[in-house]
Amino acid sequence: MTTYSRRYKSLGPIARYRAEKMLATGDPAAILHALLRLSLHGPDFGYAERKALEYVHHPDVWVRRNAATALGHVARVHGSADVDAVMRALVSMLSDPEACGWADDALDDMEMYMQADRNRYGAAGKAVPQAEIT
C-alpha cells in the first residue's frame, strides 16, 4: 500500500491538460489530487465524473477512496450526475472493505443532492467494513 505525507496540498482549480498529465503518470498521489481538483472546481463536471468512474476499482486504496469522494463532490458541487452510472459504481464499492466507507459517504451525497435511492441499486442501509464485523 502506498504511504502519503500528511502535509496539506492545495486543491485549487486545475486545467484539463494538467489533470490529464497527472492522471497519466500512474502515481497514486497525483491521480487522487487530479480527481479531487477536477471534481471540486470543474468547469467540466461531466469530465470529472467520467475520470472518477475510471478509478473506482484502481489497485491503490487511496485512489479508490478519493474516486468515490470525487463522485460525491460532483453531485454536491455541480448538482448533476449520470445517476445510474455513479450509483452502480458506488454500490459496487460497498463490497470493498478498504473503500466502502468512502463509497457510503458518496452515496449519501447522491441521495441528498440527486435524490437517488441506494436501495434501488441493491444497497440497503449503511456499509460496514469487514474489520468492524468481526
N, C-alpha and C. Protein backbone atom coordinates (compact mmCIF):
# COMPACT_ATOMS: atom_id res chain seq x y z
N MET A 1 0.84 -1.16 0.00
CA MET A 1 0.00 0.00 0.00
C MET A 1 0.89 1.24 0.00
N THR A 2 0.46 2.24 -0.72
CA THR A 2 1.19 3.48 -0.82
C THR A 2 1.04 4.29 0.45
N THR A 3 2.11 4.94 0.88
CA THR A 3 2.02 5.84 2.02
C THR A 3 2.05 7.27 1.51
N TYR A 4 1.36 8.14 2.21
CA TYR A 4 1.24 9.52 1.79
C TYR A 4 1.64 10.44 2.92
N SER A 5 2.17 11.58 2.54
CA SER A 5 2.51 12.61 3.50
C SER A 5 1.22 13.26 4.01
N ARG A 6 1.21 13.63 5.27
CA ARG A 6 0.05 14.32 5.83
C ARG A 6 0.14 15.83 5.59
N ARG A 7 1.11 16.25 4.85
CA ARG A 7 1.27 17.67 4.56
C ARG A 7 0.15 18.15 3.64
N TYR A 8 -0.41 19.30 3.94
CA TYR A 8 -1.50 19.86 3.16
C TYR A 8 -1.04 20.21 1.75
N LYS A 9 -1.89 19.88 0.79
CA LYS A 9 -1.64 20.29 -0.59
C LYS A 9 -2.87 21.02 -1.08
N SER A 10 -2.67 22.08 -1.82
CA SER A 10 -3.77 22.87 -2.34
C SER A 10 -4.62 22.04 -3.30
N LEU A 11 -5.90 22.18 -3.18
CA LEU A 11 -6.83 21.52 -4.10
C LEU A 11 -7.55 22.56 -4.93
N GLY A 12 -6.79 23.54 -5.41
CA GLY A 12 -7.37 24.59 -6.24
C GLY A 12 -7.71 24.09 -7.63
N PRO A 13 -8.24 24.97 -8.45
CA PRO A 13 -8.61 24.60 -9.82
C PRO A 13 -7.42 24.03 -10.59
N ILE A 14 -7.75 23.23 -11.59
CA ILE A 14 -6.71 22.61 -12.41
C ILE A 14 -7.18 22.61 -13.87
N ALA A 15 -6.26 22.93 -14.76
CA ALA A 15 -6.57 22.88 -16.19
C ALA A 15 -6.67 21.41 -16.62
N ARG A 16 -7.54 21.15 -17.56
CA ARG A 16 -7.75 19.78 -18.01
C ARG A 16 -6.47 19.14 -18.51
N TYR A 17 -5.67 19.87 -19.28
CA TYR A 17 -4.42 19.30 -19.80
C TYR A 17 -3.49 18.91 -18.66
N ARG A 18 -3.47 19.72 -17.59
CA ARG A 18 -2.62 19.41 -16.43
C ARG A 18 -3.15 18.18 -15.70
N ALA A 19 -4.47 18.09 -15.56
CA ALA A 19 -5.07 16.92 -14.92
C ALA A 19 -4.75 15.66 -15.72
N GLU A 20 -4.85 15.73 -17.03
CA GLU A 20 -4.55 14.57 -17.87
C GLU A 20 -3.11 14.13 -17.70
N LYS A 21 -2.19 15.10 -17.58
CA LYS A 21 -0.78 14.76 -17.35
C LYS A 21 -0.62 14.06 -16.00
N MET A 22 -1.28 14.57 -14.98
CA MET A 22 -1.18 13.97 -13.64
C MET A 22 -1.77 12.55 -13.64
N LEU A 23 -2.90 12.37 -14.30
CA LEU A 23 -3.53 11.05 -14.36
C LEU A 23 -2.66 10.06 -15.11
N ALA A 24 -1.98 10.53 -16.13
CA ALA A 24 -1.15 9.66 -16.97
C ALA A 24 0.12 9.20 -16.27
N THR A 25 0.51 9.85 -15.19
CA THR A 25 1.76 9.46 -14.51
C THR A 25 1.66 8.08 -13.87
N GLY A 26 0.44 7.68 -13.50
CA GLY A 26 0.28 6.42 -12.79
C GLY A 26 0.59 6.53 -11.31
N ASP A 27 1.05 7.69 -10.87
CA ASP A 27 1.37 7.93 -9.46
C ASP A 27 0.08 8.13 -8.67
N PRO A 28 -0.20 7.25 -7.70
CA PRO A 28 -1.46 7.36 -6.97
C PRO A 28 -1.72 8.74 -6.36
N ALA A 29 -0.71 9.38 -5.79
CA ALA A 29 -0.91 10.70 -5.19
C ALA A 29 -1.30 11.72 -6.24
N ALA A 30 -0.67 11.67 -7.40
CA ALA A 30 -1.01 12.60 -8.48
C ALA A 30 -2.42 12.33 -8.98
N ILE A 31 -2.78 11.06 -9.11
CA ILE A 31 -4.11 10.70 -9.60
C ILE A 31 -5.19 11.21 -8.65
N LEU A 32 -5.05 10.93 -7.38
CA LEU A 32 -6.11 11.32 -6.45
C LEU A 32 -6.24 12.83 -6.36
N HIS A 33 -5.12 13.56 -6.42
CA HIS A 33 -5.21 15.02 -6.39
C HIS A 33 -5.88 15.55 -7.65
N ALA A 34 -5.58 14.98 -8.79
CA ALA A 34 -6.22 15.42 -10.03
C ALA A 34 -7.73 15.17 -9.98
N LEU A 35 -8.14 13.99 -9.50
CA LEU A 35 -9.57 13.67 -9.41
C LEU A 35 -10.29 14.64 -8.49
N LEU A 36 -9.71 14.92 -7.34
CA LEU A 36 -10.35 15.83 -6.38
C LEU A 36 -10.43 17.25 -6.93
N ARG A 37 -9.36 17.72 -7.54
CA ARG A 37 -9.36 19.08 -8.06
C ARG A 37 -10.36 19.24 -9.20
N LEU A 38 -10.44 18.25 -10.08
CA LEU A 38 -11.43 18.31 -11.16
C LEU A 38 -12.85 18.33 -10.61
N SER A 39 -13.10 17.49 -9.61
CA SER A 39 -14.46 17.36 -9.09
C SER A 39 -14.90 18.57 -8.27
N LEU A 40 -13.97 19.26 -7.66
CA LEU A 40 -14.33 20.42 -6.85
C LEU A 40 -14.49 21.70 -7.66
N HIS A 41 -13.76 21.81 -8.79
CA HIS A 41 -13.71 23.10 -9.48
C HIS A 41 -14.20 23.09 -10.91
N GLY A 42 -14.41 21.90 -11.49
CA GLY A 42 -14.87 21.87 -12.88
C GLY A 42 -13.87 22.54 -13.81
N PRO A 43 -14.30 23.25 -14.83
CA PRO A 43 -15.69 23.57 -15.13
C PRO A 43 -16.46 22.42 -15.81
N ASP A 44 -15.74 21.40 -16.28
CA ASP A 44 -16.40 20.28 -16.96
C ASP A 44 -16.63 19.15 -15.97
N PHE A 45 -17.76 19.22 -15.25
CA PHE A 45 -18.04 18.22 -14.23
C PHE A 45 -18.34 16.85 -14.82
N GLY A 46 -18.83 16.82 -16.06
CA GLY A 46 -19.02 15.54 -16.74
C GLY A 46 -17.71 14.82 -16.94
N TYR A 47 -16.68 15.57 -17.33
CA TYR A 47 -15.35 15.00 -17.49
C TYR A 47 -14.81 14.53 -16.14
N ALA A 48 -15.00 15.34 -15.10
CA ALA A 48 -14.55 14.95 -13.75
C ALA A 48 -15.21 13.65 -13.32
N GLU A 49 -16.50 13.54 -13.57
CA GLU A 49 -17.23 12.32 -13.20
C GLU A 49 -16.72 11.11 -13.98
N ARG A 50 -16.55 11.26 -15.27
CA ARG A 50 -16.05 10.13 -16.10
C ARG A 50 -14.67 9.67 -15.62
N LYS A 51 -13.81 10.63 -15.30
CA LYS A 51 -12.47 10.26 -14.82
C LYS A 51 -12.57 9.54 -13.48
N ALA A 52 -13.37 10.03 -12.58
CA ALA A 52 -13.52 9.37 -11.27
C ALA A 52 -14.06 7.96 -11.45
N LEU A 53 -15.01 7.78 -12.35
CA LEU A 53 -15.57 6.44 -12.60
C LEU A 53 -14.50 5.48 -13.10
N GLU A 54 -13.53 5.99 -13.84
CA GLU A 54 -12.45 5.14 -14.34
C GLU A 54 -11.56 4.60 -13.22
N TYR A 55 -11.56 5.25 -12.06
CA TYR A 55 -10.63 4.90 -10.99
C TYR A 55 -11.27 4.25 -9.77
N VAL A 56 -12.56 3.92 -9.82
CA VAL A 56 -13.20 3.36 -8.63
C VAL A 56 -12.69 1.95 -8.28
N HIS A 57 -12.06 1.27 -9.21
CA HIS A 57 -11.52 -0.06 -8.93
C HIS A 57 -10.00 -0.11 -9.10
N HIS A 58 -9.36 1.03 -8.96
CA HIS A 58 -7.90 1.14 -9.07
C HIS A 58 -7.24 0.28 -7.99
N PRO A 59 -6.05 -0.28 -8.26
CA PRO A 59 -5.37 -1.10 -7.25
C PRO A 59 -5.00 -0.35 -5.96
N ASP A 60 -4.78 0.95 -6.04
CA ASP A 60 -4.39 1.70 -4.85
C ASP A 60 -5.64 2.11 -4.06
N VAL A 61 -5.65 1.80 -2.78
CA VAL A 61 -6.81 2.07 -1.92
C VAL A 61 -7.14 3.55 -1.85
N TRP A 62 -6.14 4.41 -1.78
CA TRP A 62 -6.41 5.85 -1.66
C TRP A 62 -6.94 6.43 -2.95
N VAL A 63 -6.57 5.87 -4.08
CA VAL A 63 -7.16 6.31 -5.35
C VAL A 63 -8.63 5.90 -5.38
N ARG A 64 -8.94 4.67 -4.98
CA ARG A 64 -10.34 4.23 -4.95
C ARG A 64 -11.17 5.10 -4.01
N ARG A 65 -10.64 5.34 -2.83
CA ARG A 65 -11.37 6.15 -1.85
C ARG A 65 -11.65 7.55 -2.38
N ASN A 66 -10.65 8.15 -2.99
CA ASN A 66 -10.81 9.52 -3.48
C ASN A 66 -11.60 9.58 -4.77
N ALA A 67 -11.64 8.50 -5.53
CA ALA A 67 -12.53 8.45 -6.70
C ALA A 67 -13.99 8.51 -6.21
N ALA A 68 -14.29 7.76 -5.15
CA ALA A 68 -15.64 7.81 -4.57
C ALA A 68 -15.94 9.21 -4.06
N THR A 69 -15.01 9.80 -3.34
CA THR A 69 -15.19 11.16 -2.82
C THR A 69 -15.43 12.14 -3.95
N ALA A 70 -14.67 12.01 -5.04
CA ALA A 70 -14.82 12.90 -6.19
C ALA A 70 -16.23 12.78 -6.78
N LEU A 71 -16.76 11.57 -6.84
CA LEU A 71 -18.12 11.39 -7.36
C LEU A 71 -19.14 12.10 -6.46
N GLY A 72 -18.94 12.03 -5.17
CA GLY A 72 -19.81 12.76 -4.25
C GLY A 72 -19.68 14.26 -4.42
N HIS A 73 -18.46 14.74 -4.63
CA HIS A 73 -18.24 16.18 -4.85
C HIS A 73 -18.98 16.67 -6.09
N VAL A 74 -18.92 15.90 -7.17
CA VAL A 74 -19.60 16.33 -8.40
C VAL A 74 -21.09 16.50 -8.14
N ALA A 75 -21.70 15.55 -7.45
CA ALA A 75 -23.13 15.66 -7.14
C ALA A 75 -23.40 16.88 -6.26
N ARG A 76 -22.58 17.07 -5.26
CA ARG A 76 -22.80 18.15 -4.28
C ARG A 76 -22.51 19.52 -4.87
N VAL A 77 -21.40 19.67 -5.58
CA VAL A 77 -20.98 20.97 -6.09
C VAL A 77 -21.72 21.34 -7.37
N HIS A 78 -21.86 20.37 -8.27
CA HIS A 78 -22.44 20.66 -9.58
C HIS A 78 -23.95 20.41 -9.62
N GLY A 79 -24.42 19.50 -8.79
CA GLY A 79 -25.85 19.21 -8.77
C GLY A 79 -26.33 18.43 -9.98
N SER A 80 -25.40 17.73 -10.62
CA SER A 80 -25.75 16.94 -11.78
C SER A 80 -24.85 15.72 -11.82
N ALA A 81 -25.40 14.61 -12.30
CA ALA A 81 -24.59 13.39 -12.38
C ALA A 81 -25.29 12.40 -13.29
N ASP A 82 -24.52 11.48 -13.84
CA ASP A 82 -25.08 10.31 -14.51
C ASP A 82 -25.46 9.36 -13.38
N VAL A 83 -26.67 9.53 -12.87
CA VAL A 83 -27.09 8.85 -11.65
C VAL A 83 -26.91 7.34 -11.74
N ASP A 84 -27.35 6.73 -12.82
CA ASP A 84 -27.24 5.27 -12.92
C ASP A 84 -25.79 4.80 -12.88
N ALA A 85 -24.94 5.43 -13.65
CA ALA A 85 -23.53 5.01 -13.69
C ALA A 85 -22.85 5.22 -12.35
N VAL A 86 -23.09 6.37 -11.73
CA VAL A 86 -22.44 6.67 -10.46
C VAL A 86 -22.98 5.76 -9.35
N MET A 87 -24.28 5.57 -9.29
CA MET A 87 -24.85 4.72 -8.24
C MET A 87 -24.37 3.28 -8.38
N ARG A 88 -24.33 2.76 -9.60
CA ARG A 88 -23.84 1.38 -9.80
C ARG A 88 -22.39 1.26 -9.34
N ALA A 89 -21.57 2.25 -9.69
CA ALA A 89 -20.16 2.21 -9.31
C ALA A 89 -20.00 2.27 -7.79
N LEU A 90 -20.71 3.19 -7.15
CA LEU A 90 -20.58 3.34 -5.70
C LEU A 90 -21.12 2.13 -4.95
N VAL A 91 -22.23 1.59 -5.41
CA VAL A 91 -22.77 0.38 -4.76
C VAL A 91 -21.79 -0.78 -4.91
N SER A 92 -21.14 -0.88 -6.07
CA SER A 92 -20.15 -1.95 -6.25
C SER A 92 -18.98 -1.78 -5.29
N MET A 93 -18.68 -0.56 -4.90
CA MET A 93 -17.58 -0.30 -3.98
C MET A 93 -17.91 -0.68 -2.54
N LEU A 94 -19.17 -0.88 -2.23
CA LEU A 94 -19.54 -1.24 -0.87
C LEU A 94 -18.98 -2.60 -0.46
N SER A 95 -18.63 -3.42 -1.44
CA SER A 95 -18.03 -4.72 -1.13
C SER A 95 -16.51 -4.63 -0.95
N ASP A 96 -15.95 -3.45 -1.11
CA ASP A 96 -14.51 -3.22 -0.94
C ASP A 96 -14.29 -2.79 0.51
N PRO A 97 -13.75 -3.66 1.36
CA PRO A 97 -13.61 -3.33 2.78
C PRO A 97 -12.70 -2.12 3.04
N GLU A 98 -11.83 -1.80 2.10
CA GLU A 98 -10.92 -0.67 2.30
C GLU A 98 -11.52 0.66 1.85
N ALA A 99 -12.55 0.62 1.04
CA ALA A 99 -13.11 1.87 0.48
C ALA A 99 -14.61 2.01 0.70
N CYS A 100 -15.23 1.05 1.36
CA CYS A 100 -16.69 1.08 1.49
C CYS A 100 -17.19 2.31 2.26
N GLY A 101 -16.45 2.79 3.23
CA GLY A 101 -16.88 3.97 3.97
C GLY A 101 -16.93 5.21 3.09
N TRP A 102 -15.96 5.35 2.22
CA TRP A 102 -15.93 6.49 1.30
C TRP A 102 -17.06 6.36 0.28
N ALA A 103 -17.31 5.14 -0.19
CA ALA A 103 -18.41 4.92 -1.13
C ALA A 103 -19.74 5.24 -0.45
N ASP A 104 -19.87 4.83 0.80
CA ASP A 104 -21.09 5.10 1.56
C ASP A 104 -21.32 6.60 1.71
N ASP A 105 -20.26 7.35 2.00
CA ASP A 105 -20.38 8.81 2.10
C ASP A 105 -20.82 9.42 0.77
N ALA A 106 -20.24 8.94 -0.32
CA ALA A 106 -20.61 9.45 -1.64
C ALA A 106 -22.05 9.08 -1.99
N LEU A 107 -22.48 7.88 -1.57
CA LEU A 107 -23.88 7.50 -1.76
C LEU A 107 -24.81 8.45 -1.00
N ASP A 108 -24.39 8.84 0.20
CA ASP A 108 -25.17 9.83 0.95
C ASP A 108 -25.31 11.13 0.15
N ASP A 109 -24.20 11.58 -0.47
CA ASP A 109 -24.25 12.79 -1.30
C ASP A 109 -25.21 12.60 -2.48
N MET A 110 -25.16 11.44 -3.10
CA MET A 110 -26.05 11.17 -4.23
C MET A 110 -27.52 11.18 -3.79
N GLU A 111 -27.77 10.61 -2.63
CA GLU A 111 -29.15 10.61 -2.13
C GLU A 111 -29.61 12.02 -1.76
N MET A 112 -28.74 12.79 -1.15
CA MET A 112 -29.09 14.14 -0.71
C MET A 112 -29.25 15.11 -1.88
N TYR A 113 -28.29 15.11 -2.80
CA TYR A 113 -28.26 16.14 -3.84
C TYR A 113 -28.86 15.71 -5.17
N MET A 114 -28.96 14.40 -5.39
CA MET A 114 -29.50 13.91 -6.66
C MET A 114 -30.81 13.14 -6.47
N GLN A 115 -31.28 13.05 -5.25
CA GLN A 115 -32.49 12.32 -4.90
C GLN A 115 -32.45 10.87 -5.42
N ALA A 116 -31.28 10.29 -5.41
CA ALA A 116 -31.10 8.88 -5.80
C ALA A 116 -31.42 8.00 -4.60
N ASP A 117 -31.74 6.75 -4.85
CA ASP A 117 -32.08 5.80 -3.78
C ASP A 117 -31.17 4.59 -3.90
N ARG A 118 -30.25 4.43 -2.94
CA ARG A 118 -29.31 3.32 -2.98
C ARG A 118 -30.02 1.98 -2.99
N ASN A 119 -31.19 1.89 -2.37
CA ASN A 119 -31.93 0.62 -2.32
C ASN A 119 -32.34 0.17 -3.73
N ARG A 120 -32.59 1.11 -4.60
CA ARG A 120 -32.94 0.79 -5.98
C ARG A 120 -31.78 0.11 -6.71
N TYR A 121 -30.59 0.30 -6.20
CA TYR A 121 -29.39 -0.26 -6.82
C TYR A 121 -28.83 -1.45 -6.03
N GLY A 122 -29.62 -1.95 -5.11
CA GLY A 122 -29.24 -3.15 -4.39
C GLY A 122 -28.40 -2.92 -3.15
N ALA A 123 -28.36 -1.70 -2.64
CA ALA A 123 -27.57 -1.42 -1.43
C ALA A 123 -28.51 -0.96 -0.33
N ALA A 124 -28.73 -1.82 0.60
CA ALA A 124 -29.60 -1.47 1.73
C ALA A 124 -28.77 -1.00 2.90
N GLY A 125 -29.16 0.09 3.50
CA GLY A 125 -28.50 0.53 4.73
C GLY A 125 -27.11 1.08 4.53
N LYS A 126 -26.36 1.14 5.59
CA LYS A 126 -25.00 1.70 5.60
C LYS A 126 -23.98 0.58 5.44
N ALA A 127 -22.87 0.94 4.85
CA ALA A 127 -21.76 0.00 4.68
C ALA A 127 -21.07 -0.22 6.02
N VAL A 128 -20.69 -1.43 6.29
CA VAL A 128 -19.93 -1.75 7.50
C VAL A 128 -18.66 -2.48 7.08
N PRO A 129 -17.49 -1.85 7.29
CA PRO A 129 -16.25 -2.52 6.91
C PRO A 129 -16.10 -3.87 7.61
N GLN A 130 -15.49 -4.81 6.94
CA GLN A 130 -15.30 -6.15 7.48
C GLN A 130 -14.63 -6.12 8.85
N ALA A 131 -13.69 -5.22 9.05
CA ALA A 131 -12.96 -5.15 10.31
C ALA A 131 -13.90 -4.87 11.49
N GLU A 132 -15.01 -4.17 11.22
CA GLU A 132 -15.95 -3.84 12.29
C GLU A 132 -16.93 -4.97 12.56
N ILE A 133 -17.05 -5.93 11.64
CA ILE A 133 -17.99 -7.02 11.79
C ILE A 133 -17.45 -8.10 12.74
N THR A 134 -16.16 -8.36 12.66
CA THR A 134 -15.56 -9.44 13.47
C THR A 134 -15.25 -9.02 14.87
